[in-house]
């Protein structure tokens, strides 16, 4: 997934470790939200997944990403 993000074949992904750290530590992705923060409230507490997206997508479309 990080490679697809880096080559702009995808805009973002929802994944688990190590894909989260690979994307963020390499500077390819920015962590946007943890699954526990997604609606409905309290439904994903034990589901350690995060949404990551390309840095340029987040910078150019912050409202879209946060929506």
C-alpha atoms as a PDB file:
ATOM      1  CA  UNK A   1       0.000   0.000   0.000  1.00  0.00           C
ATOM      2  CA  UNK A   2       2.738   2.548   0.741  1.00  0.00           C
ATOM      3  CA  UNK A   3       4.262   1.864  -2.688  1.00  0.00           C
ATOM      4  CA  UNK A   4       0.901   2.410  -4.385  1.00  0.00           C
ATOM      5  CA  UNK A   5       0.516   5.652  -2.453  1.00  0.00           C
ATOM      6  CA  UNK A   6       4.029   6.801  -3.375  1.00  0.00           C
ATOM      7  CA  UNK A   7       3.374   6.190  -7.079  1.00  0.00           C
ATOM      8  CA  UNK A   8      -0.025   7.934  -6.868  1.00  0.00           C
ATOM      9  CA  UNK A   9      -1.919   4.817  -7.868  1.00  0.00           C
ATOM     10  CA  UNK A  10      -4.090   5.364  -4.772  1.00  0.00           C
ATOM     11  CA  UNK A  11      -4.893   8.466  -2.735  1.00  0.00           C
ATOM     12  CA  UNK A  12      -5.038   6.837   0.673  1.00  0.00           C
ATOM     13  CA  UNK A  13      -5.541   3.604   2.532  1.00  0.00           C
ATOM     14  CA  UNK A  14      -6.975   2.145   5.684  1.00  0.00           C
ATOM     15  CA  UNK A  15      -4.522  -0.347   7.110  1.00  0.00           C
ATOM     16  CA  UNK A  16      -2.802  -1.795  10.147  1.00  0.00           C
ATOM     17  CA  UNK A  17       0.848  -1.976  11.153  1.00  0.00           C
ATOM     18  CA  UNK A  18       3.432  -2.092   9.669  1.00  0.00           C
ATOM     19  CA  UNK A  19       1.831  -0.284   6.718  1.00  0.00           C
ATOM     20  CA  UNK A  20       0.967   2.735   8.855  1.00  0.00           C
ATOM     21  CA  UNK A  21       4.550   3.213  10.076  1.00  0.00           C
ATOM     22  CA  UNK A  22       6.054   2.517   6.655  1.00  0.00           C
ATOM     23  CA  UNK A  23       3.982   5.286   5.122  1.00  0.00           C
ATOM     24  CA  UNK A  24       4.481   7.858   7.853  1.00  0.00           C
ATOM     25  CA  UNK A  25       8.149   7.190   8.656  1.00  0.00           C
ATOM     26  CA  UNK A  26       9.129   7.294   4.993  1.00  0.00           C
ATOM     27  CA  UNK A  27       7.308  10.592   4.486  1.00  0.00           C
ATOM     28  CA  UNK A  28       4.959   9.089   1.905  1.00  0.00           C
ATOM     29  CA  UNK A  29       1.804   9.388   3.997  1.00  0.00           C
ATOM     30  CA  UNK A  30       0.299  11.355   6.787  1.00  0.00           C
ATOM     31  CA  UNK A  31      -1.837   9.714   9.440  1.00  0.00           C
ATOM     32  CA  UNK A  32      -5.320  11.183   9.209  1.00  0.00           C
ATOM     33  CA  UNK A  33      -7.484   9.318  11.699  1.00  0.00           C
ATOM     34  CA  UNK A  34      -7.503   6.250  13.929  1.00  0.00           C
ATOM     35  CA  UNK A  35     -10.353   3.794  13.410  1.00  0.00           C
ATOM     36  CA  UNK A  36     -11.544   4.447  16.966  1.00  0.00           C
ATOM     37  CA  UNK A  37     -12.328   8.020  15.910  1.00  0.00           C
ATOM     38  CA  UNK A  38     -14.568   6.949  13.015  1.00  0.00           C
ATOM     39  CA  UNK A  39     -18.336   6.914  13.399  1.00  0.00           C
ATOM     40  CA  UNK A  40     -20.366   5.509  14.892  1.00  0.00           C
ATOM     41  CA  UNK A  41     -18.702   6.526  18.147  1.00  0.00           C
ATOM     42  CA  UNK A  42     -17.238   3.637  20.109  1.00  0.00           C
ATOM     43  CA  UNK A  43     -17.680   1.056  17.367  1.00  0.00           C
ATOM     44  CA  UNK A  44     -14.011   0.588  16.429  1.00  0.00           C
ATOM     45  CA  UNK A  45     -12.276   0.823  19.798  1.00  0.00           C
ATOM     46  CA  UNK A  46     -10.587  -2.586  19.571  1.00  0.00           C
ATOM     47  CA  UNK A  47      -9.791  -2.288  15.875  1.00  0.00           C
ATOM     48  CA  UNK A  48      -6.303  -0.744  15.547  1.00  0.00           C
ATOM     49  CA  UNK A  49      -6.478   0.614  12.022  1.00  0.00           C
ATOM     50  CA  UNK A  50      -5.708   4.061  10.678  1.00  0.00           C
ATOM     51  CA  UNK A  51      -6.464   6.002   7.536  1.00  0.00           C
ATOM     52  CA  UNK A  52      -3.402   7.392   5.786  1.00  0.00           C
ATOM     53  CA  UNK A  53      -3.280   9.530   2.677  1.00  0.00           C
ATOM     54  CA  UNK A  54      -0.774  11.203   0.384  1.00  0.00           C
ATOM     55  CA  UNK A  55       0.706  14.395   1.792  1.00  0.00           C
ATOM     56  CA  UNK A  56      -0.124  16.373  -1.351  1.00  0.00           C
ATOM     57  CA  UNK A  57      -3.751  15.222  -1.264  1.00  0.00           C
ATOM     58  CA  UNK A  58      -4.098  16.353   2.337  1.00  0.00           C
ATOM     59  CA  UNK A  59      -2.432  19.703   1.659  1.00  0.00           C
ATOM     60  CA  UNK A  60      -4.530  20.443  -1.431  1.00  0.00           C
ATOM     61  CA  UNK A  61      -7.831  19.061  -0.114  1.00  0.00           C
ATOM     62  CA  UNK A  62      -7.902  19.187   3.691  1.00  0.00           C
ATOM     63  CA  UNK A  63     -11.703  19.468   3.851  1.00  0.00           C
ATOM     64  CA  UNK A  64     -12.158  16.457   1.580  1.00  0.00           C
ATOM     65  CA  UNK A  65      -9.773  14.322   3.606  1.00  0.00           C
ATOM     66  CA  UNK A  66     -11.249  15.234   6.969  1.00  0.00           C
ATOM     67  CA  UNK A  67     -14.792  14.725   5.662  1.00  0.00           C
END
